[in-house]
Protein backbone atom coordinates (compact mmCIF):
# COMPACT_ATOMS: atom_id res chain seq x y z
CA UNK A 1 104.31 -16.40 -67.35
CA UNK A 2 101.79 -15.59 -70.09
CA UNK A 3 100.14 -18.62 -71.67
CA UNK A 4 100.28 -18.64 -75.47
CA UNK A 5 97.45 -20.23 -77.42
CA UNK A 6 98.84 -22.54 -80.09
CA UNK A 7 96.06 -21.73 -82.57
CA UNK A 8 96.89 -17.98 -82.52
CA UNK A 9 99.92 -16.25 -83.99
CA UNK A 10 101.76 -13.28 -82.42
CA UNK A 11 99.18 -10.89 -83.85
CA UNK A 12 96.26 -12.90 -82.49
CA UNK A 13 95.23 -14.33 -85.84
CA UNK A 14 93.95 -17.90 -86.14
CA UNK A 15 96.40 -20.38 -87.61
CA UNK A 16 96.79 -24.12 -88.10
CA UNK A 17 99.45 -25.51 -85.76
CA UNK A 18 102.52 -26.70 -87.65
CA UNK A 19 103.13 -30.37 -86.81
CA UNK A 20 105.68 -31.19 -89.51
CA UNK A 21 108.47 -31.64 -86.93
CA UNK A 22 106.53 -34.34 -85.08
CA UNK A 23 107.06 -38.01 -85.75
CA UNK A 24 104.02 -40.15 -86.62
CA UNK A 25 102.87 -42.28 -83.69
CA UNK A 26 99.94 -44.57 -83.04
CA UNK A 27 97.15 -42.57 -81.44
CA UNK A 28 93.58 -43.29 -80.39
CA UNK A 29 90.66 -41.43 -78.86
CA UNK A 30 87.26 -42.49 -77.56
CA UNK A 31 84.23 -40.22 -77.18
CA UNK A 32 80.69 -40.84 -76.02
CA UNK A 33 77.27 -39.23 -76.05
CA UNK A 34 73.59 -40.08 -75.95
CA UNK A 35 70.29 -39.31 -77.58
CA UNK A 36 67.49 -39.03 -75.03
CA UNK A 37 64.14 -40.36 -76.26
CA UNK A 38 60.70 -40.99 -74.85
CA UNK A 39 59.28 -44.47 -74.13
CA UNK A 40 57.44 -44.65 -77.46
CA UNK A 41 60.62 -44.06 -79.45
CA UNK A 42 62.59 -46.54 -77.36
CA UNK A 43 59.89 -49.17 -77.98
CA UNK A 44 59.98 -48.49 -81.73
CA UNK A 45 63.77 -48.74 -81.78
CA UNK A 46 63.71 -52.09 -80.00
CA UNK A 47 60.98 -53.53 -82.20
CA UNK A 48 62.44 -52.15 -85.42
CA UNK A 49 59.24 -50.26 -86.24
CA UNK A 50 60.78 -46.84 -86.94
CA UNK A 51 59.23 -45.76 -90.27
CA UNK A 52 62.49 -44.44 -91.75
CA UNK A 53 64.26 -47.77 -91.32
CA UNK A 54 67.28 -49.16 -89.44
CA UNK A 55 68.21 -46.26 -87.16
CA UNK A 56 71.35 -47.76 -85.66
CA UNK A 57 72.80 -48.82 -89.02
CA UNK A 58 72.28 -45.37 -90.53
CA UNK A 59 73.73 -43.62 -87.47
CA UNK A 60 76.76 -45.92 -87.41
CA UNK A 61 77.62 -45.17 -91.05
CA UNK A 62 77.02 -41.46 -90.48
CA UNK A 63 79.45 -41.46 -87.56
CA UNK A 64 82.16 -43.29 -89.48
CA UNK A 65 81.81 -40.97 -92.48
CA UNK A 66 81.89 -37.90 -90.25
CA UNK A 67 85.13 -38.93 -88.54
CA UNK A 68 86.85 -39.02 -91.93
CA UNK A 69 85.57 -35.56 -92.86
CA UNK A 70 86.34 -33.71 -89.63
CA UNK A 71 88.81 -31.23 -91.25
CA UNK A 72 86.00 -30.09 -93.56
CA UNK A 73 83.88 -29.15 -90.55
CA UNK A 74 86.58 -27.74 -88.25
CA UNK A 75 88.75 -25.23 -90.13
CA UNK A 76 91.88 -25.58 -87.97
CA UNK A 77 91.83 -29.39 -87.73
CA UNK A 78 94.61 -31.23 -89.53
CA UNK A 79 93.99 -33.50 -92.47
CA UNK A 80 95.32 -36.80 -91.13
CA UNK A 81 94.96 -40.46 -91.90
CA UNK A 82 91.97 -41.96 -90.12
CA UNK A 83 92.99 -45.61 -90.03
CA UNK A 84 90.22 -47.08 -87.92
CA UNK A 85 86.77 -46.00 -86.70
CA UNK A 86 84.38 -48.02 -84.53
CA UNK A 87 80.97 -46.55 -83.68
CA UNK A 88 78.81 -48.48 -81.19
CA UNK A 89 75.17 -47.68 -80.43
CA UNK A 90 73.17 -49.25 -77.61
CA UNK A 91 69.45 -48.83 -77.00
CA UNK A 92 68.69 -48.10 -73.35
CA UNK A 93 65.51 -47.35 -71.43
CA UNK A 94 66.16 -43.65 -71.96
CA UNK A 95 67.33 -43.57 -75.57
CA UNK A 96 70.53 -44.46 -77.43
CA UNK A 97 74.06 -44.45 -75.99
CA UNK A 98 76.81 -43.80 -78.54
CA UNK A 99 80.54 -44.53 -78.31
CA UNK A 100 83.14 -43.90 -81.01
CA UNK A 101 86.82 -44.88 -81.07
CA UNK A 102 89.14 -43.50 -83.75
CA UNK A 103 92.70 -44.67 -84.41
CA UNK A 104 95.52 -43.26 -86.49
CA UNK A 105 99.28 -43.43 -87.01
CA UNK A 106 99.98 -39.77 -87.62
CA UNK A 107 101.48 -36.55 -86.20
CA UNK A 108 98.47 -35.35 -84.21
CA UNK A 109 95.61 -36.83 -82.22
CA UNK A 110 92.11 -37.87 -83.21
CA UNK A 111 90.07 -36.45 -80.32
CA UNK A 112 88.08 -34.19 -82.62
CA UNK A 113 87.43 -37.05 -85.03
CA UNK A 114 86.00 -39.17 -82.19
CA UNK A 115 83.83 -36.31 -80.92
CA UNK A 116 82.63 -35.55 -84.45
CA UNK A 117 81.73 -39.19 -85.03
CA UNK A 118 79.59 -39.25 -81.87
CA UNK A 119 77.93 -35.91 -82.61
CA UNK A 120 76.99 -36.77 -86.19
CA UNK A 121 75.83 -40.28 -85.25
CA UNK A 122 73.58 -38.63 -82.65
CA UNK A 123 72.26 -36.21 -85.26
CA UNK A 124 71.47 -39.16 -87.54
CA UNK A 125 69.48 -40.81 -84.74
CA UNK A 126 67.51 -37.60 -84.21
CA UNK A 127 66.83 -37.31 -87.94
CA UNK A 128 65.56 -40.90 -88.07
CA UNK A 129 63.17 -40.63 -85.09
CA UNK A 130 62.10 -36.98 -85.07
CA UNK A 131 58.87 -37.94 -86.84
CA UNK A 132 57.91 -40.00 -83.78
CA UNK A 133 59.02 -37.57 -81.10
CA UNK A 134 59.96 -33.90 -81.58
CA UNK A 135 61.42 -33.68 -78.06
CA UNK A 136 64.41 -36.00 -78.57
CA UNK A 137 67.66 -34.35 -77.54
CA UNK A 138 71.42 -34.90 -77.74
CA UNK A 139 73.32 -34.87 -74.44
CA UNK A 140 76.72 -35.49 -72.83
CA UNK A 141 78.95 -35.54 -75.93
CA UNK A 142 82.41 -35.76 -74.35
CA UNK A 143 85.90 -37.19 -74.65
CA UNK A 144 86.33 -40.37 -72.62
CA UNK A 145 89.92 -41.45 -73.31
CA UNK A 146 92.95 -40.80 -75.47
CA UNK A 147 96.28 -42.49 -75.99
CA UNK A 148 99.49 -41.85 -77.90
CA UNK A 149 101.26 -38.57 -78.43
CA UNK A 150 103.39 -36.51 -76.06
CA UNK A 151 100.70 -35.24 -73.68
CA UNK A 152 98.19 -38.08 -73.57
CA UNK A 153 97.74 -40.41 -70.62
CA UNK A 154 96.39 -43.85 -71.59
CA UNK A 155 92.95 -43.13 -70.12
CA UNK A 156 91.39 -40.01 -68.73
CA UNK A 157 88.59 -40.67 -66.26
CA UNK A 158 85.44 -38.61 -66.56
CA UNK A 159 83.78 -37.07 -63.51
CA UNK A 160 80.52 -35.48 -64.48
CA UNK A 161 79.75 -32.40 -62.44
CA UNK A 162 76.46 -32.57 -60.60
CA UNK A 163 74.91 -29.55 -58.89
CA UNK A 164 74.87 -29.71 -55.10
CA UNK A 165 71.58 -29.57 -53.21
CA UNK A 166 70.84 -26.01 -52.19
CA UNK A 167 69.14 -25.07 -48.92
CA UNK A 168 65.95 -23.03 -48.95
CA UNK A 169 65.87 -19.39 -47.95
CA UNK A 170 68.24 -16.56 -48.82
CA UNK A 171 71.09 -17.79 -51.00
CA UNK A 172 74.47 -16.53 -52.01
CA UNK A 173 77.03 -18.17 -54.27
CA UNK A 174 80.16 -19.45 -52.55
CA UNK A 175 83.00 -21.24 -54.23
CA UNK A 176 83.41 -23.98 -51.68
CA UNK A 177 85.89 -26.66 -52.77
CA UNK A 178 84.31 -30.08 -53.52
CA UNK A 179 85.04 -33.00 -51.26
CA UNK A 180 87.68 -35.48 -52.50
CA UNK A 181 86.24 -37.69 -55.25
CA UNK A 182 83.17 -35.49 -55.78
CA UNK A 183 82.75 -33.27 -58.79
CA UNK A 184 80.50 -30.44 -57.76
CA UNK A 185 79.39 -27.06 -58.95
CA UNK A 186 79.90 -24.10 -56.59
CA UNK A 187 77.69 -24.68 -53.58
CA UNK A 188 74.88 -22.38 -52.59
CA UNK A 189 75.22 -21.32 -48.98
CA UNK A 190 72.33 -19.97 -46.95
CA UNK A 191 72.89 -16.39 -45.79
CA UNK A 192 69.82 -16.71 -43.57
CA UNK A 193 71.55 -19.30 -41.37
CA UNK A 194 74.71 -17.18 -41.16
CA UNK A 195 72.68 -14.09 -40.20
CA UNK A 196 70.85 -16.02 -37.51
CA UNK A 197 74.14 -17.18 -35.98
CA UNK A 198 75.55 -13.63 -35.93
CA UNK A 199 72.37 -12.23 -34.39
CA UNK A 200 72.42 -14.90 -31.67
CA UNK A 201 76.05 -14.11 -30.84
CA UNK A 202 75.26 -10.41 -30.55
CA UNK A 203 72.34 -11.05 -28.18
CA UNK A 204 74.55 -13.25 -26.02
CA UNK A 205 77.26 -10.57 -25.86
CA UNK A 206 74.68 -7.89 -24.95
CA UNK A 207 73.25 -9.98 -22.14
CA UNK A 208 76.74 -10.68 -20.74
CA UNK A 209 77.60 -6.96 -20.78
CA UNK A 210 74.33 -6.05 -19.00
CA UNK A 211 74.89 -8.66 -16.29
CA UNK A 212 78.43 -7.46 -15.59
CA UNK A 213 77.32 -3.82 -15.22
CA UNK A 214 74.73 -4.65 -12.53
């Protein structure tokens, strides 16, 4: 069966999905992200000494405003009623953690609104502190949970994929399945070890053949 993309018509042209037949339901989505900063920026955030002013307050308002303007940024997003937005920012030892939850009672979900709120709040943090540290970076912007609608479970757990440790020596890529409960990128398997095992088996077979012929 060929999968059909809902944002493409029969000719392959982009389109906005028609949701007029859907009934409005209560929906929510939560997204998260972080801004990674150096120790000097973290200290300035905690002491309130950032020259541009209250970083968290500016970022919070930026995130809320962005959630309401998502259709202006994403051309195929629907214009829906954004009925509630909460943006939380927490200063950590490594920067600022950001979480946004958006709620609506409409015909489609608010995942993109939540992601947009986090992304723009993170951009606002960078704009406020870039004078102190040019190396600040935005990381891990992702959907954490969604509810409401036909296809949404109440909560979707996130398993961040971490690369497996690779052995030294000759390497080849092998798509080994991860162990249960572990998210893992394709493992790197040593071809040197495999070659050594094959060579040892051949030597053993040669010796056995020589002994039998004597």
